[in-house]
Amino acid sequence: MKWLALLILAAAFGCAPVPSAIPEAPTAPAETPSPPAQQGEDTCGMAQHQSLIGKRESEIDRAALPPGARIICPQCMVTQDFRPNRLNLFTSTEGRVASMRCF
């Protein structure tokens, strides 16, 4: 019986939280997320680049595109992270810009 009592006491003290010797680093304030873009909202400046519709990918001056812009072909693999200020140009199977979206 004494062994059982000692075992229970040892288990109870073994589960007690141990004070941390290393102080926790202060956390940075959380950034306020921007509200999601509405469908059709021009958050990436695509209105300025409508003249690219129908052009061949090889004719596009990539330096004139906004930073982070992507040209996406039908078989291209791309990340799925949402960035409402990123211009995405979608090409057709013929290599011409068919559409564009902000995401």
PDB file of N, CA and C in Angstrom:
ATOM      1  N   MET A   1       0.813  -1.178   0.000  1.00  0.00           N
ATOM      2  CA  MET A   1       0.000   0.000   0.000  1.00  0.00           C
ATOM      3  C   MET A   1       0.873   1.265   0.000  1.00  0.00           C
ATOM      4  N   LYS A   2       1.986   1.224   0.758  1.00  0.00           N
ATOM      5  CA  LYS A   2       2.879   2.377   0.798  1.00  0.00           C
ATOM      6  C   LYS A   2       3.491   2.624  -0.581  1.00  0.00           C
ATOM      7  N   TRP A   3       3.794   1.548  -1.293  1.00  0.00           N
ATOM      8  CA  TRP A   3       4.377   1.696  -2.619  1.00  0.00           C
ATOM      9  C   TRP A   3       3.398   2.339  -3.581  1.00  0.00           C
ATOM     10  N   LEU A   4       2.145   1.999  -3.450  1.00  0.00           N
ATOM     11  CA  LEU A   4       1.125   2.583  -4.311  1.00  0.00           C
ATOM     12  C   LEU A   4       0.994   4.084  -4.032  1.00  0.00           C
ATOM     13  N   ALA A   5       1.008   4.472  -2.764  1.00  0.00           N
ATOM     14  CA  ALA A   5       0.914   5.886  -2.397  1.00  0.00           C
ATOM     15  C   ALA A   5       2.133   6.638  -2.925  1.00  0.00           C
ATOM     16  N   LEU A   6       3.326   6.054  -2.793  1.00  0.00           N
ATOM     17  CA  LEU A   6       4.534   6.695  -3.302  1.00  0.00           C
ATOM     18  C   LEU A   6       4.498   6.817  -4.819  1.00  0.00           C
ATOM     19  N   LEU A   7       3.997   5.808  -5.477  1.00  0.00           N
ATOM     20  CA  LEU A   7       3.888   5.829  -6.935  1.00  0.00           C
ATOM     21  C   LEU A   7       2.941   6.942  -7.390  1.00  0.00           C
ATOM     22  N   ILE A   8       1.814   7.103  -6.693  1.00  0.00           N
ATOM     23  CA  ILE A   8       0.856   8.148  -7.043  1.00  0.00           C
ATOM     24  C   ILE A   8       1.466   9.527  -6.810  1.00  0.00           C
ATOM     25  N   LEU A   9       2.175   9.711  -5.698  1.00  0.00           N
ATOM     26  CA  LEU A   9       2.840  10.984  -5.409  1.00  0.00           C
ATOM     27  C   LEU A   9       3.912  11.288  -6.460  1.00  0.00           C
ATOM     28  N   ALA A  10       4.695  10.281  -6.824  1.00  0.00           N
ATOM     29  CA  ALA A  10       5.744  10.486  -7.822  1.00  0.00           C
ATOM     30  C   ALA A  10       5.128  10.863  -9.172  1.00  0.00           C
ATOM     31  N   ALA A  11       4.034  10.232  -9.529  1.00  0.00           N
ATOM     32  CA  ALA A  11       3.373  10.540 -10.785  1.00  0.00           C
ATOM     33  C   ALA A  11       2.809  11.956 -10.760  1.00  0.00           C
ATOM     34  N   ALA A  12       2.266  12.358  -9.607  1.00  0.00           N
ATOM     35  CA  ALA A  12       1.695  13.705  -9.494  1.00  0.00           C
ATOM     36  C   ALA A  12       2.784  14.766  -9.626  1.00  0.00           C
ATOM     37  N   PHE A  13       3.924  14.555  -8.973  1.00  0.00           N
ATOM     38  CA  PHE A  13       5.006  15.526  -9.072  1.00  0.00           C
ATOM     39  C   PHE A  13       5.677  15.474 -10.438  1.00  0.00           C
ATOM     40  N   GLY A  14       5.671  14.325 -11.070  1.00  0.00           N
ATOM     41  CA  GLY A  14       6.257  14.193 -12.398  1.00  0.00           C
ATOM     42  C   GLY A  14       5.458  14.931 -13.464  1.00  0.00           C
ATOM     43  N   CYS A  15       4.174  15.163 -13.211  1.00  0.00           N
ATOM     44  CA  CYS A  15       3.320  15.852 -14.177  1.00  0.00           C
ATOM     45  C   CYS A  15       3.246  17.351 -13.927  1.00  0.00           C
ATOM     46  N   ALA A  16       3.834  17.804 -12.834  1.00  0.00           N
ATOM     47  CA  ALA A  16       3.789  19.236 -12.524  1.00  0.00           C
ATOM     48  C   ALA A  16       4.601  20.009 -13.550  1.00  0.00           C
ATOM     49  N   PRO A  17       4.158  21.193 -13.933  1.00  0.00           N
ATOM     50  CA  PRO A  17       4.922  21.972 -14.904  1.00  0.00           C
ATOM     51  C   PRO A  17       6.251  22.428 -14.325  1.00  0.00           C
ATOM     52  N   VAL A  18       7.278  22.377 -15.171  1.00  0.00           N
ATOM     53  CA  VAL A  18       8.610  22.791 -14.763  1.00  0.00           C
ATOM     54  C   VAL A  18       8.803  24.233 -15.220  1.00  0.00           C
ATOM     55  N   PRO A  19       9.216  25.119 -14.303  1.00  0.00           N
ATOM     56  CA  PRO A  19       9.422  26.503 -14.739  1.00  0.00           C
ATOM     57  C   PRO A  19      10.527  26.581 -15.788  1.00  0.00           C
ATOM     58  N   SER A  20      10.298  27.408 -16.789  1.00  0.00           N
ATOM     59  CA  SER A  20      11.255  27.553 -17.871  1.00  0.00           C
ATOM     60  C   SER A  20      12.403  28.449 -17.434  1.00  0.00           C
ATOM     61  N   ALA A  21      13.623  28.012 -17.711  1.00  0.00           N
ATOM     62  CA  ALA A  21      14.799  28.805 -17.366  1.00  0.00           C
ATOM     63  C   ALA A  21      15.049  29.878 -18.422  1.00  0.00           C
ATOM     64  N   ILE A  22      14.511  29.667 -19.628  1.00  0.00           N
ATOM     65  CA  ILE A  22      14.718  30.607 -20.728  1.00  0.00           C
ATOM     66  C   ILE A  22      13.464  31.454 -20.868  1.00  0.00           C
ATOM     67  N   PRO A  23      13.585  32.764 -20.724  1.00  0.00           N
ATOM     68  CA  PRO A  23      12.390  33.589 -20.896  1.00  0.00           C
ATOM     69  C   PRO A  23      11.915  33.551 -22.346  1.00  0.00           C
ATOM     70  N   GLU A  24      10.614  33.610 -22.509  1.00  0.00           N
ATOM     71  CA  GLU A  24      10.054  33.585 -23.865  1.00  0.00           C
ATOM     72  C   GLU A  24      10.329  34.909 -24.567  1.00  0.00           C
ATOM     73  N   ALA A  25      10.622  34.813 -25.838  1.00  0.00           N
ATOM     74  CA  ALA A  25      10.866  36.007 -26.640  1.00  0.00           C
ATOM     75  C   ALA A  25       9.552  36.742 -26.845  1.00  0.00           C
ATOM     76  N   PRO A  26       9.592  38.060 -26.832  1.00  0.00           N
ATOM     77  CA  PRO A  26       8.339  38.784 -27.077  1.00  0.00           C
ATOM     78  C   PRO A  26       7.857  38.529 -28.493  1.00  0.00           C
ATOM     79  N   THR A  27       6.579  38.397 -28.620  1.00  0.00           N
ATOM     80  CA  THR A  27       6.015  38.133 -29.941  1.00  0.00           C
ATOM     81  C   THR A  27       5.749  39.445 -30.647  1.00  0.00           C
ATOM     82  N   ALA A  28       5.931  39.423 -31.950  1.00  0.00           N
ATOM     83  CA  ALA A  28       5.678  40.605 -32.771  1.00  0.00           C
ATOM     84  C   ALA A  28       4.177  40.799 -32.893  1.00  0.00           C
ATOM     85  N   PRO A  29       3.720  42.025 -32.970  1.00  0.00           N
ATOM     86  CA  PRO A  29       2.277  42.231 -33.139  1.00  0.00           C
ATOM     87  C   PRO A  29       1.813  41.622 -34.456  1.00  0.00           C
ATOM     88  N   ALA A  30       0.671  41.000 -34.397  1.00  0.00           N
ATOM     89  CA  ALA A  30       0.133  40.354 -35.600  1.00  0.00           C
ATOM     90  C   ALA A  30      -0.271  41.408 -36.615  1.00  0.00           C
ATOM     91  N   GLU A  31       0.032  41.123 -37.886  1.00  0.00           N
ATOM     92  CA  GLU A  31      -0.358  42.043 -38.951  1.00  0.00           C
ATOM     93  C   GLU A  31      -1.848  41.926 -39.180  1.00  0.00           C
ATOM     94  N   THR A  32      -2.460  43.028 -39.453  1.00  0.00           N
ATOM     95  CA  THR A  32      -3.875  43.023 -39.764  1.00  0.00           C
ATOM     96  C   THR A  32      -4.037  42.561 -41.204  1.00  0.00           C
ATOM     97  N   PRO A  33      -4.728  41.420 -41.405  1.00  0.00           N
ATOM     98  CA  PRO A  33      -4.880  40.938 -42.776  1.00  0.00           C
ATOM     99  C   PRO A  33      -5.753  41.884 -43.586  1.00  0.00           C
ATOM    100  N   SER A  34      -5.391  42.016 -44.846  1.00  0.00           N
ATOM    101  CA  SER A  34      -6.194  42.868 -45.717  1.00  0.00           C
ATOM    102  C   SER A  34      -7.466  42.116 -46.090  1.00  0.00           C
ATOM    103  N   PRO A  35      -8.543  42.836 -46.297  1.00  0.00           N
ATOM    104  CA  PRO A  35      -9.786  42.147 -46.653  1.00  0.00           C
ATOM    105  C   PRO A  35      -9.643  41.458 -48.002  1.00  0.00           C
ATOM    106  N   PRO A  36     -10.296  40.316 -48.184  1.00  0.00           N
ATOM    107  CA  PRO A  36     -10.174  39.606 -49.459  1.00  0.00           C
ATOM    108  C   PRO A  36     -10.721  40.443 -50.611  1.00  0.00           C
ATOM    109  N   ALA A  37     -10.080  40.296 -51.748  1.00  0.00           N
ATOM    110  CA  ALA A  37     -10.509  41.039 -52.931  1.00  0.00           C
ATOM    111  C   ALA A  37     -11.848  40.484 -53.420  1.00  0.00           C
ATOM    112  N   GLN A  38     -12.677  41.363 -53.886  1.00  0.00           N
ATOM    113  CA  GLN A  38     -13.963  40.959 -54.441  1.00  0.00           C
ATOM    114  C   GLN A  38     -13.756  40.452 -55.860  1.00  0.00           C
ATOM    115  N   GLN A  39     -14.615  39.558 -56.289  1.00  0.00           N
ATOM    116  CA  GLN A  39     -14.554  39.020 -57.643  1.00  0.00           C
ATOM    117  C   GLN A  39     -14.614  40.168 -58.644  1.00  0.00           C
ATOM    118  N   GLY A  40     -13.646  40.230 -59.540  1.00  0.00           N
ATOM    119  CA  GLY A  40     -13.624  41.250 -60.569  1.00  0.00           C
ATOM    120  C   GLY A  40     -12.950  42.546 -60.143  1.00  0.00           C
ATOM    121  N   GLU A  41     -12.558  42.640 -58.891  1.00  0.00           N
ATOM    122  CA  GLU A  41     -11.902  43.858 -58.408  1.00  0.00           C
ATOM    123  C   GLU A  41     -10.468  43.903 -58.938  1.00  0.00           C
ATOM    124  N   ASP A  42     -10.055  45.066 -59.417  1.00  0.00           N
ATOM    125  CA  ASP A  42      -8.715  45.238 -59.978  1.00  0.00           C
ATOM    126  C   ASP A  42      -7.754  45.676 -58.877  1.00  0.00           C
ATOM    127  N   THR A  43      -7.174  44.710 -58.182  1.00  0.00           N
ATOM    128  CA  THR A  43      -6.246  45.006 -57.091  1.00  0.00           C
ATOM    129  C   THR A  43      -4.790  44.907 -57.535  1.00  0.00           C
ATOM    130  N   CYS A  44      -4.570  44.510 -58.803  1.00  0.00           N
ATOM    131  CA  CYS A  44      -3.198  44.296 -59.276  1.00  0.00           C
ATOM    132  C   CYS A  44      -2.835  45.167 -60.479  1.00  0.00           C
ATOM    133  N   GLY A  45      -3.706  46.061 -60.870  1.00  0.00           N
ATOM    134  CA  GLY A  45      -3.417  46.937 -61.995  1.00  0.00           C
ATOM    135  C   GLY A  45      -3.622  46.303 -63.355  1.00  0.00           C
ATOM    136  N   MET A  46      -4.486  45.309 -63.452  1.00  0.00           N
ATOM    137  CA  MET A  46      -4.650  44.625 -64.740  1.00  0.00           C
ATOM    138  C   MET A  46      -5.317  45.520 -65.786  1.00  0.00           C
ATOM    139  N   ALA A  47      -6.037  46.553 -65.376  1.00  0.00           N
ATOM    140  CA  ALA A  47      -6.675  47.447 -66.347  1.00  0.00           C
ATOM    141  C   ALA A  47      -5.620  48.119 -67.231  1.00  0.00           C
ATOM    142  N   GLN A  48      -4.449  48.399 -66.654  1.00  0.00           N
ATOM    143  CA  GLN A  48      -3.371  49.039 -67.419  1.00  0.00           C
ATOM    144  C   GLN A  48      -2.742  48.103 -68.441  1.00  0.00           C
ATOM    145  N   HIS A  49      -2.979  46.798 -68.298  1.00  0.00           N
ATOM    146  CA  HIS A  49      -2.302  45.808 -69.145  1.00  0.00           C
ATOM    147  C   HIS A  49      -3.267  45.065 -70.074  1.00  0.00           C
ATOM    148  N   GLN A  50      -4.471  45.595 -70.264  1.00  0.00           N
ATOM    149  CA  GLN A  50      -5.450  44.940 -71.128  1.00  0.00           C
ATOM    150  C   GLN A  50      -4.965  44.832 -72.573  1.00  0.00           C
ATOM    151  N   SER A  51      -4.045  45.685 -72.968  1.00  0.00           N
ATOM    152  CA  SER A  51      -3.520  45.633 -74.339  1.00  0.00           C
ATOM    153  C   SER A  51      -2.713  44.359 -74.596  1.00  0.00           C
ATOM    154  N   LEU A  52      -2.371  43.635 -73.545  1.00  0.00           N
ATOM    155  CA  LEU A  52      -1.604  42.392 -73.708  1.00  0.00           C
ATOM    156  C   LEU A  52      -2.468  41.219 -74.153  1.00  0.00           C
ATOM    157  N   ILE A  53      -3.782  41.344 -74.016  1.00  0.00           N
ATOM    158  CA  ILE A  53      -4.678  40.262 -74.440  1.00  0.00           C
ATOM    159  C   ILE A  53      -4.487  40.036 -75.933  1.00  0.00           C
ATOM    160  N   GLY A  54      -4.220  38.787 -76.298  1.00  0.00           N
ATOM    161  CA  GLY A  54      -4.010  38.410 -77.695  1.00  0.00           C
ATOM    162  C   GLY A  54      -2.554  38.427 -78.131  1.00  0.00           C
ATOM    163  N   LYS A  55      -1.666  39.039 -77.327  1.00  0.00           N
ATOM    164  CA  LYS A  55      -0.243  39.068 -77.708  1.00  0.00           C
ATOM    165  C   LYS A  55       0.420  37.738 -77.373  1.00  0.00           C
ATOM    166  N   ARG A  56       1.451  37.420 -78.171  1.00  0.00           N
ATOM    167  CA  ARG A  56       2.250  36.222 -77.886  1.00  0.00           C
ATOM    168  C   ARG A  56       3.075  36.475 -76.635  1.00  0.00           C
ATOM    169  N   GLU A  57       3.318  35.419 -75.894  1.00  0.00           N
ATOM    170  CA  GLU A  57       4.119  35.524 -74.677  1.00  0.00           C
ATOM    171  C   GLU A  57       5.501  36.099 -74.980  1.00  0.00           C
ATOM    172  N   SER A  58       6.074  35.721 -76.113  1.00  0.00           N
ATOM    173  CA  SER A  58       7.414  36.187 -76.486  1.00  0.00           C
ATOM    174  C   SER A  58       7.447  37.694 -76.785  1.00  0.00           C
ATOM    175  N   GLU A  59       6.288  38.311 -77.061  1.00  0.00           N
ATOM    176  CA  GLU A  59       6.224  39.735 -77.372  1.00  0.00           C
ATOM    177  C   GLU A  59       6.079  40.606 -76.118  1.00  0.00           C
ATOM    178  N   ILE A  60       5.887  39.992 -74.970  1.00  0.00           N
ATOM    179  CA  ILE A  60       5.626  40.745 -73.740  1.00  0.00           C
ATOM    180  C   ILE A  60       6.939  41.211 -73.119  1.00  0.00           C
ATOM    181  N   ASP A  61       7.003  42.487 -72.804  1.00  0.00           N
ATOM    182  CA  ASP A  61       8.155  43.053 -72.100  1.00  0.00           C
ATOM    183  C   ASP A  61       7.915  42.825 -70.609  1.00  0.00           C
ATOM    184  N   ARG A  62       8.576  41.810 -70.073  1.00  0.00           N
ATOM    185  CA  ARG A  62       8.364  41.446 -68.669  1.00  0.00           C
ATOM    186  C   ARG A  62       8.769  42.555 -67.705  1.00  0.00           C
ATOM    187  N   ALA A  63       9.694  43.420 -68.115  1.00  0.00           N
ATOM    188  CA  ALA A  63      10.118  44.528 -67.256  1.00  0.00           C
ATOM    189  C   ALA A  63       8.992  45.550 -67.084  1.00  0.00           C
ATOM    190  N   ALA A  64       8.048  45.571 -68.011  1.00  0.00           N
ATOM    191  CA  ALA A  64       6.935  46.509 -67.935  1.00  0.00           C
ATOM    192  C   ALA A  64       5.794  45.989 -67.058  1.00  0.00           C
ATOM    193  N   LEU A  65       5.871  44.719 -66.668  1.00  0.00           N
ATOM    194  CA  LEU A  65       4.844  44.139 -65.815  1.00  0.00           C
ATOM    195  C   LEU A  65       5.104  44.525 -64.354  1.00  0.00           C
ATOM    196  N   PRO A  66       4.064  44.545 -63.533  1.00  0.00           N
ATOM    197  CA  PRO A  66       4.273  44.865 -62.124  1.00  0.00           C
ATOM    198  C   PRO A  66       5.122  43.784 -61.442  1.00  0.00           C
ATOM    199  N   PRO A  67       5.822  44.134 -60.367  1.00  0.00           N
ATOM    200  CA  PRO A  67       6.632  43.138 -59.652  1.00  0.00           C
ATOM    201  C   PRO A  67       5.768  41.961 -59.198  1.00  0.00           C
ATOM    202  N   GLY A  68       6.272  40.755 -59.394  1.00  0.00           N
ATOM    203  CA  GLY A  68       5.561  39.550 -58.977  1.00  0.00           C
ATOM    204  C   GLY A  68       4.577  39.007 -59.991  1.00  0.00           C
ATOM    205  N   ALA A  69       4.411  39.693 -61.123  1.00  0.00           N
ATOM    206  CA  ALA A  69       3.466  39.234 -62.141  1.00  0.00           C
ATOM    207  C   ALA A  69       3.917  37.880 -62.696  1.00  0.00           C
ATOM    208  N   ARG A  70       2.938  37.064 -63.087  1.00  0.00           N
ATOM    209  CA  ARG A  70       3.253  35.741 -63.638  1.00  0.00           C
ATOM    210  C   ARG A  70       2.563  35.557 -64.979  1.00  0.00           C
ATOM    211  N   ILE A  71       3.256  34.857 -65.867  1.00  0.00           N
ATOM    212  CA  ILE A  71       2.655  34.426 -67.122  1.00  0.00           C
ATOM    213  C   ILE A  71       2.487  32.920 -66.999  1.00  0.00           C
ATOM    214  N   ILE A  72       1.240  32.484 -67.081  1.00  0.00           N
ATOM    215  CA  ILE A  72       0.916  31.090 -66.785  1.00  0.00           C
ATOM    216  C   ILE A  72       0.398  30.400 -68.043  1.00  0.00           C
ATOM    217  N   CYS A  73       1.096  29.349 -68.459  1.00  0.00           N
ATOM    218  CA  CYS A  73       0.664  28.574 -69.620  1.00  0.00           C
ATOM    219  C   CYS A  73      -0.296  27.467 -69.151  1.00  0.00           C
ATOM    220  N   PRO A  74      -1.067  26.864 -70.069  1.00  0.00           N
ATOM    221  CA  PRO A  74      -2.049  25.849 -69.671  1.00  0.00           C
ATOM    222  C   PRO A  74      -1.448  24.664 -68.910  1.00  0.00           C
ATOM    223  N   GLN A  75      -0.227  24.272 -69.238  1.00  0.00           N
ATOM    224  CA  GLN A  75       0.372  23.121 -68.562  1.00  0.00           C
ATOM    225  C   GLN A  75       1.338  23.529 -67.446  1.00  0.00           C
ATOM    226  N   CYS A  76       1.463  24.810 -67.185  1.00  0.00           N
ATOM    227  CA  CYS A  76       2.393  25.292 -66.150  1.00  0.00           C
ATOM    228  C   CYS A  76       1.845  25.000 -64.747  1.00  0.00           C
ATOM    229  N   MET A  77       2.755  24.635 -63.870  1.00  0.00           N
ATOM    230  CA  MET A  77       2.404  24.460 -62.461  1.00  0.00           C
ATOM    231  C   MET A  77       2.755  25.758 -61.737  1.00  0.00           C
ATOM    232  N   VAL A  78       1.843  26.227 -60.905  1.00  0.00           N
ATOM    233  CA  VAL A  78       2.067  27.462 -60.151  1.00  0.00           C
ATOM    234  C   VAL A  78       1.632  27.254 -58.707  1.00  0.00           C
ATOM    235  N   THR A  79       2.151  28.099 -57.839  1.00  0.00           N
ATOM    236  CA  THR A  79       1.729  28.036 -56.444  1.00  0.00           C
ATOM    237  C   THR A  79       0.294  28.539 -56.334  1.00  0.00           C
ATOM    238  N   GLN A  80      -0.392  28.102 -55.301  1.00  0.00           N
ATOM    239  CA  GLN A  80      -1.789  28.481 -55.113  1.00  0.00           C
ATOM    240  C   GLN A  80      -1.968  29.514 -54.004  1.00  0.00           C
ATOM    241  N   ASP A  81      -0.878  30.169 -53.586  1.00  0.00           N
ATOM    242  CA  ASP A  81      -1.011  31.185 -52.548  1.00  0.00           C
ATOM    243  C   ASP A  81      -1.738  32.395 -53.112  1.00  0.00           C
ATOM    244  N   PHE A  82      -2.613  32.973 -52.321  1.00  0.00           N
ATOM    245  CA  PHE A  82      -3.447  34.083 -52.774  1.00  0.00           C
ATOM    246  C   PHE A  82      -2.767  35.402 -52.469  1.00  0.00           C
ATOM    247  N   ARG A  83      -2.511  36.171 -53.504  1.00  0.00           N
ATOM    248  CA  ARG A  83      -1.944  37.510 -53.383  1.00  0.00           C
ATOM    249  C   ARG A  83      -2.778  38.428 -54.275  1.00  0.00           C
ATOM    250  N   PRO A  84      -3.688  39.176 -53.700  1.00  0.00           N
ATOM    251  CA  PRO A  84      -4.602  39.972 -54.513  1.00  0.00           C
ATOM    252  C   PRO A  84      -3.912  41.042 -55.348  1.00  0.00           C
ATOM    253  N   ASN A  85      -2.666  41.387 -55.020  1.00  0.00           N
ATOM    254  CA  ASN A  85      -1.959  42.415 -55.791  1.00  0.00           C
ATOM    255  C   ASN A  85      -1.052  41.823 -56.868  1.00  0.00           C
ATOM    256  N   ARG A  86      -1.138  40.510 -57.123  1.00  0.00           N
ATOM    257  CA  ARG A  86      -0.299  39.869 -58.144  1.00  0.00           C
ATOM    258  C   ARG A  86      -1.080  39.709 -59.441  1.00  0.00           C
ATOM    259  N   LEU A  87      -0.497  40.184 -60.523  1.00  0.00           N
ATOM    260  CA  LEU A  87      -1.098  40.057 -61.845  1.00  0.00           C
ATOM    261  C   LEU A  87      -0.728  38.697 -62.426  1.00  0.00           C
ATOM    262  N   ASN A  88      -1.730  37.960 -62.887  1.00  0.00           N
ATOM    263  CA  ASN A  88      -1.528  36.658 -63.515  1.00  0.00           C
ATOM    264  C   ASN A  88      -2.062  36.719 -64.935  1.00  0.00           C
ATOM    265  N   LEU A  89      -1.180  36.468 -65.892  1.00  0.00           N
ATOM    266  CA  LEU A  89      -1.564  36.434 -67.304  1.00  0.00           C
ATOM    267  C   LEU A  89      -1.661  34.970 -67.722  1.00  0.00           C
ATOM    268  N   PHE A  90      -2.791  34.570 -68.240  1.00  0.00           N
ATOM    269  CA  PHE A  90      -3.004  33.189 -68.666  1.00  0.00           C
ATOM    270  C   PHE A  90      -2.898  33.104 -70.176  1.00  0.00           C
ATOM    271  N   THR A  91      -2.045  32.196 -70.655  1.00  0.00           N
ATOM    272  CA  THR A  91      -1.875  32.029 -72.102  1.00  0.00           C
ATOM    273  C   THR A  91      -2.704  30.852 -72.600  1.00  0.00           C
ATOM    274  N   SER A  92      -3.021  30.900 -73.872  1.00  0.00           N
ATOM    275  CA  SER A  92      -3.736  29.806 -74.521  1.00  0.00           C
ATOM    276  C   SER A  92      -2.732  28.740 -74.947  1.00  0.00           C
ATOM    277  N   THR A  93      -3.229  27.678 -75.529  1.00  0.00           N
ATOM    278  CA  THR A  93      -2.334  26.627 -76.031  1.00  0.00           C
ATOM    279  C   THR A  93      -1.494  27.124 -77.194  1.00  0.00           C
ATOM    280  N   GLU A  94      -1.919  28.209 -77.839  1.00  0.00           N
ATOM    281  CA  GLU A  94      -1.146  28.809 -78.941  1.00  0.00           C
ATOM    282  C   GLU A  94      -0.073  29.770 -78.428  1.00  0.00           C
ATOM    283  N   GLY A  95      -0.016  30.002 -77.110  1.00  0.00           N
ATOM    284  CA  GLY A  95       1.000  30.889 -76.545  1.00  0.00           C
ATOM    285  C   GLY A  95       0.619  32.359 -76.525  1.00  0.00           C
ATOM    286  N   ARG A  96      -0.657  32.662 -76.702  1.00  0.00           N
ATOM    287  CA  ARG A  96      -1.126  34.046 -76.658  1.00  0.00           C
ATOM    288  C   ARG A  96      -1.849  34.299 -75.333  1.00  0.00           C
ATOM    289  N   VAL A  97      -1.758  35.518 -74.837  1.00  0.00           N
ATOM    290  CA  VAL A  97      -2.442  35.878 -73.589  1.00  0.00           C
ATOM    291  C   VAL A  97      -3.946  35.820 -73.837  1.00  0.00           C
ATOM    292  N   ALA A  98      -4.613  34.968 -73.093  1.00  0.00           N
ATOM    293  CA  ALA A  98      -6.049  34.776 -73.261  1.00  0.00           C
ATOM    294  C   ALA A  98      -6.857  35.529 -72.203  1.00  0.00           C
ATOM    295  N   SER A  99      -6.321  35.630 -70.986  1.00  0.00           N
ATOM    296  CA  SER A  99      -7.040  36.308 -69.913  1.00  0.00           C
ATOM    297  C   SER A  99      -6.048  36.711 -68.832  1.00  0.00           C
ATOM    298  N   MET A 100      -6.551  37.489 -67.881  1.00  0.00           N
ATOM    299  CA  MET A 100      -5.730  37.892 -66.743  1.00  0.00           C
ATOM    300  C   MET A 100      -6.609  38.030 -65.528  1.00  0.00           C
ATOM    301  N   ARG A 101      -5.983  37.794 -64.375  1.00  0.00           N
ATOM    302  CA  ARG A 101      -6.708  37.900 -63.094  1.00  0.00           C
ATOM    303  C   ARG A 101      -5.733  38.345 -62.016  1.00  0.00           C
ATOM    304  N   CYS A 102      -6.294  38.917 -60.983  1.00  0.00           N
ATOM    305  CA  CYS A 102      -5.504  39.283 -59.798  1.00  0.00           C
ATOM    306  C   CYS A 102      -5.688  38.169 -58.763  1.00  0.00           C
ATOM    307  N   PHE A 103      -4.584  37.531 -58.382  1.00  0.00           N
ATOM    308  CA  PHE A 103      -4.572  36.585 -57.252  1.00  0.00           C
ATOM    309  C   PHE A 103      -3.191  36.089 -56.981  1.00  0.00           C
TER     310      PHE A 103
END
